[in-house]
Amino acid sequence: MNNVKKYAFDGERKLDLGSQPCRIKTGKTKEAEQALMGVHLADIGKYQDKLYADKTEGLIILLQGMDAAGKDGLVSHVMGGVNPQGVDVYSFKQPSAEELAHDYMWRIMRCLPERGKIAIFNRSYYEDVLVVKVHELYKHQGLPARCLDEIFEKRYEQIRHFEKYLWENGVRMVKIFLHLSKDEQRDRLLERIDDKAKNWKFSMSDVSERAYWDDYQKAYEDAINATASPHAPWHVVPADKKSTARLIASEIILNALEAIGPDYPKLSDDMKRDIAECGEQLRKQ
């Protein structure tokens, strides 16, 4: 697998989304990809266990992408084998009336991970500079007039500050954009229609939103360029082939865990002695 740095944007270079591939060849056989994926998942599980025991840092895995980009499948295939006690998954759909009555970060704040845990965000606060921007929803959300001027430039700045705040307070972030082509999205949506077992996944809005494809691509490009930073980089992952996208994502997540470098807590000499004594007592019972 090529180094995942080729998919990373940390503010040093600008993203031109149109020039980024939606499909790549790994140069490996299907069996080799599956074997490497297995190694990644095993290592992710080991690091996650140490992270949960260490309780020093938290990790957010933030997933964005167009409808049918494979966010749900990525969560289940890449993170399905970790200890569920240490992982929470949140899907941020259309905000409720209560959520709209607060600032756009309010519903996010309640889902931040405690130290030692991983929080997976299936969509996120970025929806408020994506769908809200494309459909100009901010004009109908009851905001005071003083907040509407250059609202998205302000939100980009707020997001940058928020992510730096998290970094400075022990929460790391992996941001992944699943880069899907328009043709592949059509095929996946048709599959949801043709396969009765997948009908429940289909939404009429999936089709109507395709009319705004170019607007969404521009909104994603603007948001990624405005919020990419060394402490919260974006990873633009080719998503037309699901298995490849999951393999790349697994390496990105594994790299983040390796950078944290969690370890099991070190026991004091007194604790080691107490444990040894308990072991002796149990052996005599």
Protein backbone atom coordinates (compact mmCIF):
# COMPACT_ATOMS: atom_id res chain seq x y z
CA MET A 1 0.00 0.00 0.00
CA ASN A 2 1.32 3.44 -0.92
CA ASN A 3 1.98 5.86 1.90
CA VAL A 4 -1.28 7.43 3.06
CA LYS A 5 0.42 10.85 3.16
CA LYS A 6 -0.47 11.18 -0.53
CA TYR A 7 -4.12 11.47 0.53
CA ALA A 8 -3.46 13.93 3.37
CA PHE A 9 -4.08 17.67 3.31
CA ASP A 10 -2.71 19.58 6.29
CA GLY A 11 -2.89 23.12 4.94
CA GLU A 12 0.47 23.02 3.17
CA ARG A 13 -1.08 22.39 -0.24
CA LYS A 14 -4.43 23.28 -1.73
CA LEU A 15 -6.95 20.62 -2.65
CA ASP A 16 -8.25 20.57 -6.21
CA LEU A 17 -10.98 18.00 -5.77
CA GLY A 18 -11.47 17.55 -9.50
CA SER A 19 -7.90 16.33 -9.89
CA GLN A 20 -8.16 13.78 -7.05
CA PRO A 21 -8.82 10.17 -8.12
CA CYS A 22 -12.01 8.41 -7.07
CA ARG A 23 -10.53 4.99 -7.90
CA ILE A 24 -6.97 3.67 -7.67
CA LYS A 25 -5.13 0.38 -8.10
CA THR A 26 -3.17 -0.79 -5.09
CA GLY A 27 -0.95 -3.11 -7.11
CA LYS A 28 -1.96 -5.99 -4.85
CA THR A 29 -4.11 -9.02 -5.45
CA LYS A 30 -7.48 -9.28 -3.74
CA GLU A 31 -6.04 -11.90 -1.39
CA ALA A 32 -3.07 -9.67 -0.53
CA GLU A 33 -5.37 -6.72 0.17
CA GLN A 34 -7.51 -8.87 2.45
CA ALA A 35 -4.45 -10.13 4.30
CA LEU A 36 -3.12 -6.59 4.81
CA MET A 37 -6.54 -5.45 5.95
CA GLY A 38 -6.55 -8.24 8.52
CA VAL A 39 -3.19 -7.08 9.85
CA HIS A 40 -4.42 -3.49 10.11
CA LEU A 41 -7.60 -4.50 11.95
CA ALA A 42 -5.68 -6.64 14.42
CA ASP A 43 -3.26 -3.80 15.13
CA ILE A 44 -6.12 -1.28 15.47
CA GLY A 45 -7.73 -3.59 18.03
CA LYS A 46 -4.51 -3.86 20.04
CA TYR A 47 -3.94 -0.12 20.08
CA GLN A 48 -7.57 0.57 20.94
CA ASP A 49 -7.32 -1.73 23.95
CA LYS A 50 -4.23 0.15 25.14
CA LEU A 51 -5.90 3.50 24.46
CA TYR A 52 -8.86 2.52 26.62
CA ALA A 53 -6.60 1.35 29.43
CA ASP A 54 -4.26 4.34 29.19
CA LYS A 55 -7.03 7.00 29.36
CA THR A 56 -4.65 9.78 28.33
CA GLU A 57 -5.96 10.81 24.91
CA GLY A 58 -9.26 10.63 23.07
CA LEU A 59 -9.69 10.13 19.33
CA ILE A 60 -12.36 11.34 16.91
CA ILE A 61 -12.74 9.60 13.56
CA LEU A 62 -14.79 11.99 11.43
CA LEU A 63 -16.31 10.71 8.19
CA GLN A 64 -17.78 12.86 5.44
CA GLY A 65 -18.87 12.05 1.92
CA MET A 66 -21.71 12.24 -0.54
CA ASP A 67 -24.72 9.93 -0.16
CA ALA A 68 -23.74 6.28 -0.78
CA ALA A 69 -20.02 7.07 -0.38
CA GLY A 70 -19.65 4.12 2.02
CA LYS A 71 -19.49 5.75 5.45
CA ASP A 72 -21.63 3.12 7.20
CA GLY A 73 -19.77 0.24 5.59
CA LEU A 74 -16.42 1.72 6.53
CA VAL A 75 -17.46 1.93 10.18
CA SER A 76 -18.62 -1.69 10.29
CA HIS A 77 -15.68 -3.15 8.35
CA VAL A 78 -12.83 -1.11 9.82
CA MET A 79 -14.02 -0.60 13.39
CA GLY A 80 -16.33 -3.57 13.83
CA GLY A 81 -13.69 -5.69 15.54
CA VAL A 82 -12.70 -3.31 18.32
CA ASN A 83 -13.98 -3.47 21.89
CA PRO A 84 -17.38 -1.68 21.77
CA GLN A 85 -16.87 -0.56 25.35
CA GLY A 86 -14.26 1.91 24.13
CA VAL A 87 -15.97 3.18 20.97
CA ASP A 88 -19.08 5.32 20.42
CA VAL A 89 -20.63 5.92 17.00
CA TYR A 90 -22.72 9.02 16.28
CA SER A 91 -24.69 9.70 13.10
CA PHE A 92 -25.47 13.37 12.65
CA LYS A 93 -28.54 13.58 10.46
CA GLN A 94 -30.91 16.49 9.90
CA PRO A 95 -30.94 18.48 13.16
CA SER A 96 -33.98 18.36 15.42
CA ALA A 97 -35.95 21.41 16.52
CA GLU A 98 -34.12 21.34 19.85
CA GLU A 99 -30.73 21.21 18.11
CA LEU A 100 -31.65 24.05 15.76
CA ALA A 101 -32.53 26.17 18.80
CA HIS A 102 -28.84 26.02 19.82
CA ASP A 103 -25.60 26.90 18.07
CA TYR A 104 -24.49 24.42 15.43
CA MET A 105 -21.77 22.93 17.64
CA TRP A 106 -24.12 22.19 20.54
CA ARG A 107 -25.07 18.67 19.48
CA ILE A 108 -21.42 17.88 18.80
CA MET A 109 -20.18 18.93 22.22
CA ARG A 110 -22.26 16.25 23.92
CA CYS A 111 -20.57 13.55 21.83
CA LEU A 112 -16.91 14.39 22.38
CA PRO A 113 -14.98 11.33 23.57
CA GLU A 114 -13.61 11.03 27.06
CA ARG A 115 -9.92 10.29 27.31
CA GLY A 116 -9.29 6.66 26.40
CA LYS A 117 -12.23 6.38 24.02
CA ILE A 118 -12.84 6.68 20.29
CA ALA A 119 -15.81 8.61 18.92
CA ILE A 120 -16.81 7.96 15.32
CA PHE A 121 -18.73 10.81 13.68
CA ASN A 122 -20.78 9.67 10.67
CA ARG A 123 -21.18 13.17 9.25
CA SER A 124 -20.47 16.01 11.66
CA TYR A 125 -20.49 19.75 12.27
CA TYR A 126 -19.13 20.06 8.73
CA GLU A 127 -22.72 19.63 7.52
CA ASP A 128 -23.17 23.24 8.62
CA VAL A 129 -20.69 24.40 5.97
CA LEU A 130 -21.88 21.87 3.38
CA VAL A 131 -25.62 21.19 3.06
CA VAL A 132 -26.40 24.42 4.93
CA LYS A 133 -24.23 26.30 2.43
CA VAL A 134 -25.50 24.54 -0.70
CA HIS A 135 -29.17 25.07 0.20
CA GLU A 136 -28.72 28.38 2.07
CA LEU A 137 -30.47 26.90 5.08
CA TYR A 138 -28.84 29.42 7.39
CA LYS A 139 -31.30 32.03 6.10
CA HIS A 140 -34.19 30.11 7.68
CA GLN A 141 -32.69 28.97 10.99
CA GLY A 142 -33.64 31.97 13.10
CA LEU A 143 -30.16 33.44 13.36
CA PRO A 144 -29.86 37.16 14.09
CA ALA A 145 -29.02 39.31 11.08
CA ARG A 146 -25.61 40.20 12.51
CA CYS A 147 -24.54 36.54 12.23
CA LEU A 148 -25.35 36.14 8.53
CA ASP A 149 -22.62 38.32 7.03
CA GLU A 150 -19.76 36.12 5.75
CA ILE A 151 -21.22 33.30 7.84
CA PHE A 152 -19.15 30.52 6.29
CA GLU A 153 -15.83 32.32 6.56
CA LYS A 154 -16.66 32.77 10.23
CA ARG A 155 -17.60 29.10 10.61
CA TYR A 156 -14.39 27.94 8.96
CA GLU A 157 -12.49 30.01 11.51
CA GLN A 158 -14.62 28.66 14.37
CA ILE A 159 -13.99 25.09 13.22
CA ARG A 160 -10.23 25.67 13.00
CA HIS A 161 -10.21 27.07 16.53
CA PHE A 162 -12.42 24.25 17.81
CA GLU A 163 -10.18 21.55 16.37
CA LYS A 164 -7.08 23.24 17.75
CA TYR A 165 -8.80 23.46 21.13
CA LEU A 166 -9.47 19.72 21.05
CA TRP A 167 -5.86 18.99 20.09
CA GLU A 168 -4.59 21.14 22.95
CA ASN A 169 -6.87 19.32 25.39
CA GLY A 170 -5.97 15.73 24.58
CA VAL A 171 -8.36 14.87 21.74
CA ARG A 172 -6.90 13.94 18.37
CA MET A 173 -8.85 13.92 15.14
CA VAL A 174 -8.83 11.83 11.98
CA LYS A 175 -10.88 13.49 9.22
CA ILE A 176 -11.71 11.36 6.19
CA PHE A 177 -13.56 12.49 3.08
CA LEU A 178 -14.71 9.55 0.95
CA HIS A 179 -14.27 10.84 -2.60
CA LEU A 180 -16.98 9.20 -4.70
CA SER A 181 -17.59 9.77 -8.42
CA LYS A 182 -21.03 10.78 -9.66
CA ASP A 183 -21.28 7.68 -11.88
CA GLU A 184 -20.44 5.34 -9.00
CA GLN A 185 -23.00 7.04 -6.79
CA ARG A 186 -25.66 6.47 -9.45
CA ASP A 187 -24.79 2.77 -9.63
CA ARG A 188 -24.96 2.40 -5.85
CA LEU A 189 -28.30 4.19 -5.65
CA LEU A 190 -29.68 1.96 -8.41
CA GLU A 191 -28.49 -1.06 -6.45
CA ARG A 192 -30.52 0.17 -3.48
CA ILE A 193 -33.57 0.32 -5.74
CA ASP A 194 -33.03 -3.00 -7.52
CA ASP A 195 -32.10 -5.03 -4.43
CA LYS A 196 -35.16 -5.38 -2.18
CA ALA A 197 -32.91 -6.07 0.80
CA LYS A 198 -31.43 -2.60 0.31
CA ASN A 199 -34.65 -0.69 -0.39
CA TRP A 200 -34.69 0.59 3.19
CA LYS A 201 -31.45 2.48 2.52
CA PHE A 202 -32.92 4.44 -0.36
CA SER A 203 -34.24 7.96 0.11
CA MET A 204 -35.94 10.16 -2.49
CA SER A 205 -33.63 12.96 -1.43
CA ASP A 206 -30.66 10.90 -2.61
CA VAL A 207 -31.81 11.51 -6.19
CA SER A 208 -32.86 15.13 -5.78
CA GLU A 209 -29.55 16.03 -4.15
CA ARG A 210 -27.66 14.84 -7.24
CA ALA A 211 -28.84 18.00 -8.98
CA TYR A 212 -26.53 19.90 -6.63
CA TRP A 213 -23.50 17.66 -7.23
CA ASP A 214 -21.19 20.42 -8.47
CA ASP A 215 -22.24 22.71 -5.63
CA TYR A 216 -21.43 20.03 -3.09
CA GLN A 217 -18.03 19.34 -4.67
CA LYS A 218 -17.19 23.04 -4.43
CA ALA A 219 -18.46 23.19 -0.84
CA TYR A 220 -16.31 20.20 0.15
CA GLU A 221 -13.25 21.64 -1.56
CA ASP A 222 -13.73 25.01 0.16
CA ALA A 223 -14.31 23.43 3.58
CA ILE A 224 -11.31 21.10 3.35
CA ASN A 225 -8.98 23.86 2.19
CA ALA A 226 -10.22 26.22 4.91
CA THR A 227 -9.95 23.76 7.81
CA ALA A 228 -7.00 21.49 7.00
CA SER A 229 -4.21 21.89 9.56
CA PRO A 230 -1.21 19.92 10.86
CA HIS A 231 -3.12 18.92 14.03
CA ALA A 232 -6.37 18.13 12.17
CA PRO A 233 -5.52 17.14 8.59
CA TRP A 234 -8.02 15.93 6.04
CA HIS A 235 -7.59 12.67 4.13
CA VAL A 236 -9.26 12.54 0.71
CA VAL A 237 -9.75 8.81 0.11
CA PRO A 238 -10.72 7.35 -3.30
CA ALA A 239 -14.08 5.71 -2.60
CA ASP A 240 -15.30 4.16 -5.86
CA LYS A 241 -13.96 0.76 -4.79
CA LYS A 242 -15.15 0.04 -1.28
CA SER A 243 -12.47 -2.48 -0.34
CA THR A 244 -9.69 -0.07 -1.35
CA ALA A 245 -11.27 2.83 0.54
CA ARG A 246 -11.54 0.68 3.67
CA LEU A 247 -7.94 -0.48 3.36
CA ILE A 248 -6.66 3.10 3.04
CA ALA A 249 -8.88 4.27 5.91
CA SER A 250 -7.65 1.45 8.13
CA GLU A 251 -4.06 2.57 7.56
CA ILE A 252 -4.94 6.20 8.29
CA ILE A 253 -6.62 5.23 11.57
CA LEU A 254 -3.77 2.89 12.48
CA ASN A 255 -1.25 5.68 11.86
CA ALA A 256 -3.19 7.97 14.19
CA LEU A 257 -3.20 5.35 16.96
CA GLU A 258 0.51 4.71 16.47
CA ALA A 259 1.14 8.46 16.79
CA ILE A 260 -0.71 8.48 20.11
CA GLY A 261 1.39 5.52 21.24
CA PRO A 262 -0.88 4.36 24.07
CA ASP A 263 0.34 1.77 26.53
CA TYR A 264 -1.03 -0.12 29.48
CA PRO A 265 -0.66 1.77 32.79
CA LYS A 266 2.56 1.08 34.66
CA LEU A 267 2.04 -0.46 38.09
CA SER A 268 3.87 0.82 41.13
CA ASP A 269 5.97 -1.59 43.19
CA ASP A 270 3.28 -1.56 45.89
CA MET A 271 0.56 -2.48 43.37
CA LYS A 272 2.72 -5.27 41.91
CA ARG A 273 3.24 -6.64 45.40
CA ASP A 274 -0.49 -6.45 46.22
CA ILE A 275 -1.36 -8.26 42.97
CA ALA A 276 1.19 -10.97 43.69
CA GLU A 277 -0.25 -11.47 47.17
CA CYS A 278 -3.77 -11.72 45.74
CA GLY A 279 -2.53 -14.33 43.30
CA GLU A 280 -1.06 -16.39 46.10
CA GLN A 281 -4.32 -16.21 48.06
CA LEU A 282 -6.33 -17.34 45.04
CA ARG A 283 -4.04 -20.29 44.42
CA LYS A 284 -4.60 -21.50 48.00
CA GLN A 285 -8.38 -21.34 47.75
